[in-house]
Amino acid sequence: MNTTFNFLKKTPVEMQVQIAGRMRAVRRKRKISQEKLSQLSGVSLGSLKRFEQKGEIALLSFIKLATALGLDNELEHLFEDVPPLSIEEVIRGQG
């Protein structure tokens, strides 16, 4: 089964919580405290805590956190290789 398909079946809230959990795991793996990440990224500690708990954050703050954790390459390649959803999309893309 395609894991991307399962990811797309989740609600937006489920996805934001999952992404926040992944970023929290990276932070912990790198042994960076919330306070330190807040300082490194320029994102307020309150915003970081809310993000890690609820997945809620402004896009710019999310990018700042990802960059501070060295994940900016992941973001730069987001949506790069999106497969077509239909044959019509393939045909239109060839014209």
Protein backbone atom coordinates (compact mmCIF):
# COMPACT_ATOMS: atom_id res chain seq x y z
CA MET A 1 0.00 0.00 0.00
CA ASN A 2 1.24 3.49 -0.84
CA THR A 3 2.05 5.43 2.33
CA THR A 4 1.56 8.75 0.55
CA PHE A 5 -2.02 7.74 -0.17
CA ASN A 6 -2.59 7.00 3.52
CA PHE A 7 -1.13 10.40 4.42
CA LEU A 8 -3.55 12.11 2.06
CA LYS A 9 -6.50 10.34 3.66
CA LYS A 10 -5.85 12.08 6.95
CA THR A 11 -7.65 15.26 7.88
CA PRO A 12 -5.71 18.54 7.78
CA VAL A 13 -5.68 18.60 11.59
CA GLU A 14 -4.30 15.06 11.73
CA MET A 15 -1.60 15.99 9.22
CA GLN A 16 -0.55 19.13 11.10
CA VAL A 17 -0.26 17.17 14.37
CA GLN A 18 1.73 14.45 12.62
CA ILE A 19 4.13 16.97 11.05
CA ALA A 20 4.56 18.73 14.40
CA GLY A 21 5.36 15.38 16.00
CA ARG A 22 7.98 14.67 13.36
CA MET A 23 9.64 18.02 13.89
CA ARG A 24 9.55 17.55 17.68
CA ALA A 25 11.22 14.14 17.20
CA VAL A 26 13.99 15.74 15.12
CA ARG A 27 14.50 18.40 17.78
CA ARG A 28 14.76 15.78 20.50
CA LYS A 29 17.02 13.53 18.41
CA ARG A 30 19.38 16.48 18.00
CA LYS A 31 19.16 17.15 21.73
CA ILE A 32 17.98 20.74 21.29
CA SER A 33 15.69 22.16 23.97
CA GLN A 34 12.60 24.14 23.06
CA GLU A 35 14.26 27.21 24.54
CA LYS A 36 17.38 26.75 22.39
CA LEU A 37 15.36 26.14 19.22
CA SER A 38 13.33 29.24 19.95
CA GLN A 39 16.56 31.26 20.21
CA LEU A 40 18.10 29.69 17.10
CA SER A 41 15.02 30.19 14.96
CA GLY A 42 13.70 33.51 16.22
CA VAL A 43 10.31 31.89 16.83
CA SER A 44 8.80 32.66 20.22
CA LEU A 45 8.86 29.89 22.79
CA GLY A 46 5.06 30.11 23.09
CA SER A 47 4.63 29.59 19.34
CA LEU A 48 7.02 26.64 19.38
CA LYS A 49 5.22 25.02 22.31
CA ARG A 50 1.82 25.52 20.66
CA PHE A 51 3.17 23.99 17.45
CA GLU A 52 4.57 20.94 19.20
CA GLN A 53 1.37 20.41 21.19
CA LYS A 54 -1.32 21.26 18.63
CA GLY A 55 0.44 21.56 15.27
CA GLU A 56 -0.62 25.21 14.95
CA ILE A 57 1.95 27.64 13.55
CA ALA A 58 2.36 30.33 10.91
CA LEU A 59 4.07 29.16 7.74
CA LEU A 60 6.97 31.59 8.15
CA SER A 61 7.58 30.38 11.71
CA PHE A 62 7.43 26.78 10.52
CA ILE A 63 10.07 27.53 7.89
CA LYS A 64 12.26 29.25 10.50
CA LEU A 65 12.04 26.22 12.80
CA ALA A 66 12.81 23.79 9.97
CA THR A 67 15.77 25.90 8.88
CA ALA A 68 17.14 26.08 12.42
CA LEU A 69 16.94 22.27 12.59
CA GLY A 70 18.72 21.91 9.26
CA LEU A 71 15.58 20.70 7.47
CA ASP A 72 15.44 23.50 4.91
CA ASN A 73 16.46 21.10 2.12
CA GLU A 74 13.36 19.05 2.88
CA LEU A 75 11.19 22.14 2.43
CA GLU A 76 12.94 23.25 -0.75
CA HIS A 77 11.98 19.98 -2.42
CA LEU A 78 8.40 19.86 -1.15
CA PHE A 79 5.90 19.36 -4.00
CA GLU A 80 8.74 19.00 -6.52
CA ASP A 81 7.76 15.65 -8.01
CA VAL A 82 3.99 15.66 -7.78
CA PRO A 83 2.47 12.91 -9.93
CA PRO A 84 -0.50 13.74 -12.17
CA LEU A 85 -3.94 12.98 -10.78
CA SER A 86 -5.51 12.08 -14.11
CA ILE A 87 -4.73 11.29 -17.74
CA GLU A 88 -6.16 14.68 -18.66
CA GLU A 89 -3.53 16.34 -16.49
CA VAL A 90 -0.83 14.34 -18.28
CA ILE A 91 -2.17 15.34 -21.70
CA ARG A 92 -2.41 19.03 -20.75
CA GLY A 93 1.14 18.96 -19.42
CA GLN A 94 2.52 17.73 -22.75
CA GLY A 95 1.09 20.59 -24.82
